[in-house]
Amino acid sequence: MDAADVCDLCGARPRVRVDWVEKSGNYGDVTVMMRHSPGCAYGDEGDGEYSDFAGWEYAGSKLGLVGREWPVLSARLNVGLCLGCGRLVVGAPLILFLDRGRGGELDFCFGCALELGIMDRLVAPRG
């Protein structure tokens, strides 16, 4: 499946293959495959496959943000869920920690954070 995030330079999107899921269905092993576009500065060094851990847990609560109710996450592994589009985030998501992380978090890929207007609310106006 296609990941939620893309290369900042060439726009290539990683692919994720789920290799194993533990009994609860919350955690598993994945293989991430990346092929950058020709001419990308990451080039051949950024291409390839690697194994990683995927998973997340819901805290059981919801939080209102940008006109919607979002399920709060209590934990995530290296590869986690974008709450906006439901795809896996291979790189770093935008993580909104609640109560300094003690209250859980909301995770979004940067595409969803921009589309939903979350980034606009985080960046102070200049001038």
N, C-alpha and C. Protein backbone atom coordinates (compact mmCIF):
# COMPACT_ATOMS: atom_id res chain seq x y z
N MET A 1 0.84 -1.17 0.00
CA MET A 1 0.00 0.00 0.00
C MET A 1 0.88 1.24 0.00
N ASP A 2 0.36 2.33 -0.52
CA ASP A 2 1.10 3.58 -0.52
C ASP A 2 1.11 4.18 0.88
N ALA A 3 2.25 4.73 1.27
CA ALA A 3 2.35 5.43 2.54
C ALA A 3 1.73 6.82 2.41
N ALA A 4 1.50 7.49 3.52
CA ALA A 4 0.91 8.82 3.51
C ALA A 4 1.92 9.89 3.14
N ASP A 5 3.17 9.71 3.52
CA ASP A 5 4.17 10.76 3.31
C ASP A 5 4.88 10.59 1.97
N VAL A 6 5.56 11.67 1.56
CA VAL A 6 6.28 11.68 0.29
C VAL A 6 7.65 12.30 0.51
N CYS A 7 8.57 12.05 -0.45
CA CYS A 7 9.88 12.67 -0.43
C CYS A 7 9.70 14.17 -0.64
N ASP A 8 10.35 14.98 0.19
CA ASP A 8 10.25 16.44 0.08
C ASP A 8 10.85 16.96 -1.22
N LEU A 9 11.78 16.22 -1.82
CA LEU A 9 12.48 16.71 -3.00
C LEU A 9 11.84 16.26 -4.31
N CYS A 10 11.47 14.99 -4.40
CA CYS A 10 10.99 14.48 -5.69
C CYS A 10 9.52 14.04 -5.67
N GLY A 11 8.92 13.98 -4.49
CA GLY A 11 7.51 13.60 -4.39
C GLY A 11 7.25 12.10 -4.45
N ALA A 12 8.32 11.29 -4.49
CA ALA A 12 8.13 9.84 -4.52
C ALA A 12 7.48 9.39 -3.21
N ARG A 13 6.60 8.41 -3.32
CA ARG A 13 5.86 7.92 -2.16
C ARG A 13 6.34 6.52 -1.80
N PRO A 14 6.72 6.29 -0.54
CA PRO A 14 7.11 4.94 -0.12
C PRO A 14 5.93 3.97 -0.22
N ARG A 15 6.24 2.72 -0.36
CA ARG A 15 5.22 1.66 -0.31
C ARG A 15 5.48 0.85 0.95
N VAL A 16 4.41 0.33 1.53
CA VAL A 16 4.51 -0.44 2.77
C VAL A 16 3.83 -1.78 2.56
N ARG A 17 4.54 -2.84 2.96
CA ARG A 17 3.96 -4.19 2.94
C ARG A 17 3.88 -4.67 4.37
N VAL A 18 2.69 -5.09 4.78
CA VAL A 18 2.51 -5.64 6.12
C VAL A 18 2.94 -7.10 6.08
N ASP A 19 3.94 -7.45 6.91
CA ASP A 19 4.49 -8.80 6.90
C ASP A 19 3.93 -9.68 8.00
N TRP A 20 3.59 -9.09 9.12
CA TRP A 20 3.09 -9.86 10.27
C TRP A 20 2.31 -8.93 11.19
N VAL A 21 1.20 -9.43 11.74
CA VAL A 21 0.41 -8.67 12.70
C VAL A 21 0.19 -9.54 13.92
N GLU A 22 0.42 -8.97 15.12
CA GLU A 22 0.22 -9.75 16.34
C GLU A 22 -1.27 -9.89 16.63
N LYS A 23 -1.61 -10.77 17.57
CA LYS A 23 -2.99 -11.18 17.82
C LYS A 23 -3.98 -10.03 18.00
N SER A 24 -3.62 -8.99 18.73
CA SER A 24 -4.55 -7.89 19.00
C SER A 24 -4.84 -7.07 17.75
N GLY A 25 -3.96 -7.18 16.74
CA GLY A 25 -4.12 -6.40 15.53
C GLY A 25 -3.57 -5.00 15.62
N ASN A 26 -2.98 -4.65 16.76
CA ASN A 26 -2.48 -3.28 16.97
C ASN A 26 -1.04 -3.09 16.51
N TYR A 27 -0.25 -4.15 16.47
CA TYR A 27 1.17 -4.02 16.17
C TYR A 27 1.60 -5.07 15.16
N GLY A 28 2.66 -4.76 14.42
CA GLY A 28 3.15 -5.73 13.46
C GLY A 28 4.48 -5.32 12.84
N ASP A 29 4.94 -6.16 11.94
CA ASP A 29 6.17 -5.91 11.20
C ASP A 29 5.80 -5.51 9.78
N VAL A 30 6.53 -4.54 9.24
CA VAL A 30 6.29 -4.09 7.88
C VAL A 30 7.61 -4.01 7.12
N THR A 31 7.53 -4.04 5.81
CA THR A 31 8.66 -3.74 4.95
C THR A 31 8.33 -2.45 4.21
N VAL A 32 9.25 -1.50 4.27
CA VAL A 32 9.09 -0.22 3.60
C VAL A 32 9.98 -0.22 2.36
N MET A 33 9.41 0.13 1.22
CA MET A 33 10.15 0.16 -0.04
C MET A 33 10.09 1.57 -0.61
N MET A 34 11.26 2.10 -1.01
CA MET A 34 11.32 3.46 -1.54
C MET A 34 12.10 3.49 -2.84
N ARG A 35 11.58 4.17 -3.84
CA ARG A 35 12.25 4.40 -5.11
C ARG A 35 12.08 5.87 -5.44
N HIS A 36 13.17 6.64 -5.32
CA HIS A 36 13.12 8.06 -5.62
C HIS A 36 13.09 8.29 -7.13
N SER A 37 12.56 9.43 -7.53
CA SER A 37 12.51 9.79 -8.95
C SER A 37 13.92 10.03 -9.47
N PRO A 38 14.15 9.79 -10.77
CA PRO A 38 15.47 10.07 -11.35
C PRO A 38 15.85 11.54 -11.13
N GLY A 39 17.10 11.75 -10.75
CA GLY A 39 17.58 13.11 -10.51
C GLY A 39 17.36 13.61 -9.09
N CYS A 40 16.66 12.85 -8.26
CA CYS A 40 16.44 13.28 -6.87
C CYS A 40 17.78 13.28 -6.13
N ALA A 41 17.98 14.28 -5.30
CA ALA A 41 19.24 14.40 -4.55
C ALA A 41 19.46 13.20 -3.63
N TYR A 42 18.37 12.55 -3.18
CA TYR A 42 18.54 11.36 -2.34
C TYR A 42 19.06 10.20 -3.17
N GLY A 43 18.75 10.19 -4.46
CA GLY A 43 19.28 9.22 -5.41
C GLY A 43 19.22 7.79 -4.95
N ASP A 44 20.19 7.03 -5.41
CA ASP A 44 20.23 5.60 -5.12
C ASP A 44 20.42 5.31 -3.64
N GLU A 45 21.07 6.23 -2.91
CA GLU A 45 21.29 5.99 -1.47
C GLU A 45 19.98 5.94 -0.70
N GLY A 46 18.97 6.65 -1.18
CA GLY A 46 17.67 6.67 -0.50
C GLY A 46 16.73 5.58 -0.96
N ASP A 47 17.13 4.83 -2.00
CA ASP A 47 16.30 3.75 -2.52
C ASP A 47 16.57 2.47 -1.76
N GLY A 48 15.58 1.59 -1.75
CA GLY A 48 15.78 0.29 -1.15
C GLY A 48 14.61 -0.14 -0.29
N GLU A 49 14.86 -1.18 0.49
CA GLU A 49 13.85 -1.75 1.39
C GLU A 49 14.44 -1.89 2.77
N TYR A 50 13.58 -1.77 3.76
CA TYR A 50 14.00 -2.05 5.13
C TYR A 50 12.79 -2.51 5.94
N SER A 51 13.06 -3.24 6.99
CA SER A 51 12.01 -3.73 7.88
C SER A 51 11.84 -2.75 9.03
N ASP A 52 10.61 -2.63 9.51
CA ASP A 52 10.34 -1.72 10.62
C ASP A 52 9.14 -2.24 11.40
N PHE A 53 8.82 -1.55 12.48
CA PHE A 53 7.68 -1.90 13.33
C PHE A 53 6.57 -0.89 13.12
N ALA A 54 5.34 -1.38 12.98
CA ALA A 54 4.18 -0.51 12.81
C ALA A 54 3.17 -0.79 13.90
N GLY A 55 2.45 0.25 14.29
CA GLY A 55 1.38 0.04 15.25
C GLY A 55 0.99 1.30 15.98
N TRP A 56 -0.16 1.24 16.61
CA TRP A 56 -0.68 2.35 17.40
C TRP A 56 -1.79 1.82 18.30
N GLU A 57 -2.08 2.56 19.34
CA GLU A 57 -3.19 2.24 20.25
C GLU A 57 -4.01 3.49 20.46
N TYR A 58 -5.31 3.31 20.54
CA TYR A 58 -6.21 4.42 20.82
C TYR A 58 -6.36 4.59 22.32
N ALA A 59 -6.45 5.83 22.75
CA ALA A 59 -6.59 6.13 24.18
C ALA A 59 -8.03 5.95 24.65
N GLY A 60 -8.98 5.92 23.74
CA GLY A 60 -10.38 5.77 24.12
C GLY A 60 -11.10 7.11 24.28
N SER A 61 -10.42 8.19 23.97
CA SER A 61 -11.05 9.51 24.04
C SER A 61 -10.94 10.19 22.69
N LYS A 62 -11.65 11.31 22.55
CA LYS A 62 -11.62 12.08 21.30
C LYS A 62 -11.34 13.54 21.64
N LEU A 63 -10.82 14.24 20.64
CA LEU A 63 -10.52 15.66 20.81
C LEU A 63 -10.97 16.41 19.57
N GLY A 64 -11.64 17.55 19.78
CA GLY A 64 -12.08 18.38 18.67
C GLY A 64 -10.95 19.26 18.17
N LEU A 65 -10.77 19.27 16.84
CA LEU A 65 -9.72 20.10 16.22
C LEU A 65 -10.13 20.34 14.78
N VAL A 66 -10.03 21.56 14.32
CA VAL A 66 -10.39 22.00 12.97
C VAL A 66 -11.76 21.47 12.53
N GLY A 67 -12.73 21.57 13.43
CA GLY A 67 -14.10 21.22 13.10
C GLY A 67 -14.44 19.75 13.06
N ARG A 68 -13.54 18.90 13.55
CA ARG A 68 -13.80 17.45 13.58
C ARG A 68 -13.38 16.88 14.92
N GLU A 69 -13.93 15.72 15.23
CA GLU A 69 -13.53 14.96 16.42
C GLU A 69 -12.52 13.91 15.98
N TRP A 70 -11.36 13.87 16.66
CA TRP A 70 -10.30 12.93 16.31
C TRP A 70 -10.07 11.96 17.46
N PRO A 71 -9.87 10.66 17.16
CA PRO A 71 -9.54 9.72 18.23
C PRO A 71 -8.10 9.98 18.71
N VAL A 72 -7.93 10.04 20.00
CA VAL A 72 -6.61 10.29 20.59
C VAL A 72 -5.83 8.98 20.61
N LEU A 73 -4.56 9.06 20.22
CA LEU A 73 -3.67 7.90 20.26
C LEU A 73 -2.90 7.92 21.57
N SER A 74 -2.74 6.76 22.18
CA SER A 74 -1.96 6.66 23.42
C SER A 74 -0.55 6.17 23.15
N ALA A 75 -0.32 5.56 21.99
CA ALA A 75 1.01 5.04 21.66
C ALA A 75 1.12 4.85 20.16
N ARG A 76 2.36 4.93 19.66
CA ARG A 76 2.63 4.63 18.26
C ARG A 76 4.04 4.08 18.15
N LEU A 77 4.25 3.25 17.14
CA LEU A 77 5.59 2.72 16.86
C LEU A 77 6.21 3.54 15.73
N ASN A 78 7.31 3.08 15.16
CA ASN A 78 8.03 3.82 14.12
C ASN A 78 7.16 4.17 12.93
N VAL A 79 6.34 3.23 12.48
CA VAL A 79 5.39 3.46 11.39
C VAL A 79 4.02 3.51 12.04
N GLY A 80 3.33 4.64 11.87
CA GLY A 80 2.04 4.81 12.54
C GLY A 80 0.98 5.32 11.59
N LEU A 81 -0.18 5.57 12.12
CA LEU A 81 -1.36 5.95 11.37
C LEU A 81 -1.51 7.46 11.28
N CYS A 82 -1.85 7.95 10.08
CA CYS A 82 -2.27 9.34 9.93
C CYS A 82 -3.77 9.36 10.20
N LEU A 83 -4.19 10.14 11.18
CA LEU A 83 -5.61 10.20 11.52
C LEU A 83 -6.43 10.86 10.42
N GLY A 84 -5.79 11.69 9.59
CA GLY A 84 -6.51 12.40 8.54
C GLY A 84 -6.90 11.52 7.37
N CYS A 85 -5.95 10.79 6.81
CA CYS A 85 -6.21 9.99 5.61
C CYS A 85 -6.25 8.49 5.87
N GLY A 86 -5.82 8.06 7.06
CA GLY A 86 -5.86 6.65 7.39
C GLY A 86 -4.73 5.82 6.81
N ARG A 87 -3.76 6.48 6.13
CA ARG A 87 -2.62 5.74 5.59
C ARG A 87 -1.49 5.72 6.61
N LEU A 88 -0.50 4.86 6.35
CA LEU A 88 0.64 4.74 7.24
C LEU A 88 1.66 5.84 6.98
N VAL A 89 2.22 6.39 8.05
CA VAL A 89 3.28 7.39 7.96
C VAL A 89 4.60 6.69 8.24
N VAL A 90 5.48 6.67 7.23
CA VAL A 90 6.76 5.99 7.32
C VAL A 90 7.80 6.89 7.99
N GLY A 91 7.81 8.15 7.62
CA GLY A 91 8.75 9.11 8.19
C GLY A 91 8.18 9.71 9.46
N ALA A 92 8.48 10.97 9.67
CA ALA A 92 8.01 11.65 10.87
C ALA A 92 6.65 12.30 10.62
N PRO A 93 5.66 11.97 11.44
CA PRO A 93 4.37 12.65 11.30
C PRO A 93 4.40 13.98 12.05
N LEU A 94 3.38 14.78 11.84
CA LEU A 94 3.15 15.93 12.70
C LEU A 94 2.44 15.37 13.92
N ILE A 95 3.09 15.45 15.08
CA ILE A 95 2.52 14.92 16.31
C ILE A 95 2.09 16.08 17.19
N LEU A 96 0.81 16.12 17.52
CA LEU A 96 0.30 17.11 18.45
C LEU A 96 0.15 16.42 19.81
N PHE A 97 1.10 16.68 20.69
CA PHE A 97 1.07 16.06 22.02
C PHE A 97 0.04 16.77 22.89
N LEU A 98 -0.74 16.00 23.61
CA LEU A 98 -1.74 16.54 24.52
C LEU A 98 -1.21 16.46 25.94
N ASP A 99 -1.25 17.55 26.65
CA ASP A 99 -0.73 17.61 28.02
C ASP A 99 0.69 17.06 28.07
N ARG A 100 1.53 17.58 27.17
CA ARG A 100 2.94 17.19 27.07
C ARG A 100 3.14 15.69 26.83
N GLY A 101 2.19 15.07 26.18
CA GLY A 101 2.27 13.65 25.86
C GLY A 101 1.57 12.75 26.85
N ARG A 102 1.32 13.26 28.05
CA ARG A 102 0.65 12.43 29.06
C ARG A 102 -0.81 12.19 28.72
N GLY A 103 -1.40 13.07 27.90
CA GLY A 103 -2.79 12.92 27.50
C GLY A 103 -2.97 12.27 26.15
N GLY A 104 -1.89 11.75 25.59
CA GLY A 104 -1.94 11.11 24.28
C GLY A 104 -1.47 12.06 23.20
N GLU A 105 -1.84 11.74 21.97
CA GLU A 105 -1.39 12.54 20.83
C GLU A 105 -2.33 12.39 19.66
N LEU A 106 -2.25 13.35 18.74
CA LEU A 106 -2.91 13.29 17.45
C LEU A 106 -1.81 13.30 16.40
N ASP A 107 -1.81 12.34 15.49
CA ASP A 107 -0.76 12.21 14.48
C ASP A 107 -1.33 12.41 13.08
N PHE A 108 -0.64 13.23 12.28
CA PHE A 108 -1.07 13.51 10.92
C PHE A 108 0.13 13.50 9.98
N CYS A 109 -0.08 13.07 8.73
CA CYS A 109 0.96 13.26 7.72
C CYS A 109 0.95 14.75 7.39
N PHE A 110 2.03 15.24 6.81
CA PHE A 110 2.11 16.67 6.52
C PHE A 110 1.13 17.10 5.45
N GLY A 111 0.79 16.21 4.52
CA GLY A 111 -0.22 16.54 3.51
C GLY A 111 -1.57 16.82 4.15
N CYS A 112 -1.99 15.98 5.08
CA CYS A 112 -3.27 16.20 5.77
C CYS A 112 -3.20 17.42 6.68
N ALA A 113 -2.06 17.62 7.35
CA ALA A 113 -1.92 18.78 8.24
C ALA A 113 -2.07 20.07 7.44
N LEU A 114 -1.54 20.11 6.23
CA LEU A 114 -1.69 21.29 5.37
C LEU A 114 -3.13 21.42 4.87
N GLU A 115 -3.68 20.32 4.37
CA GLU A 115 -5.03 20.32 3.80
C GLU A 115 -6.09 20.69 4.84
N LEU A 116 -5.93 20.21 6.06
CA LEU A 116 -6.90 20.49 7.12
C LEU A 116 -6.71 21.86 7.77
N GLY A 117 -5.61 22.54 7.44
CA GLY A 117 -5.35 23.85 8.03
C GLY A 117 -4.68 23.80 9.39
N ILE A 118 -4.21 22.63 9.78
CA ILE A 118 -3.55 22.49 11.09
C ILE A 118 -2.24 23.26 11.09
N MET A 119 -1.50 23.19 10.01
CA MET A 119 -0.20 23.89 9.95
C MET A 119 -0.39 25.40 10.08
N ASP A 120 -1.46 25.92 9.47
CA ASP A 120 -1.72 27.37 9.56
C ASP A 120 -1.95 27.80 11.00
N ARG A 121 -2.54 26.95 11.79
CA ARG A 121 -2.83 27.27 13.20
C ARG A 121 -1.59 27.17 14.08
N LEU A 122 -0.58 26.45 13.60
CA LEU A 122 0.64 26.27 14.40
C LEU A 122 1.70 27.33 14.13
N VAL A 123 1.64 27.93 12.97
CA VAL A 123 2.64 28.91 12.57
C VAL A 123 2.14 30.31 12.91
N ALA A 124 2.91 31.02 13.73
CA ALA A 124 2.53 32.37 14.13
C ALA A 124 2.69 33.32 12.95
N PRO A 125 1.77 34.28 12.79
CA PRO A 125 1.94 35.28 11.72
C PRO A 125 3.20 36.10 11.91
N ARG A 126 3.84 36.44 10.81
CA ARG A 126 5.05 37.25 10.88
C ARG A 126 4.73 38.67 10.46
N GLY A 127 5.51 39.56 10.96
CA GLY A 127 5.30 40.92 10.49
C GLY A 127 5.43 41.93 11.49
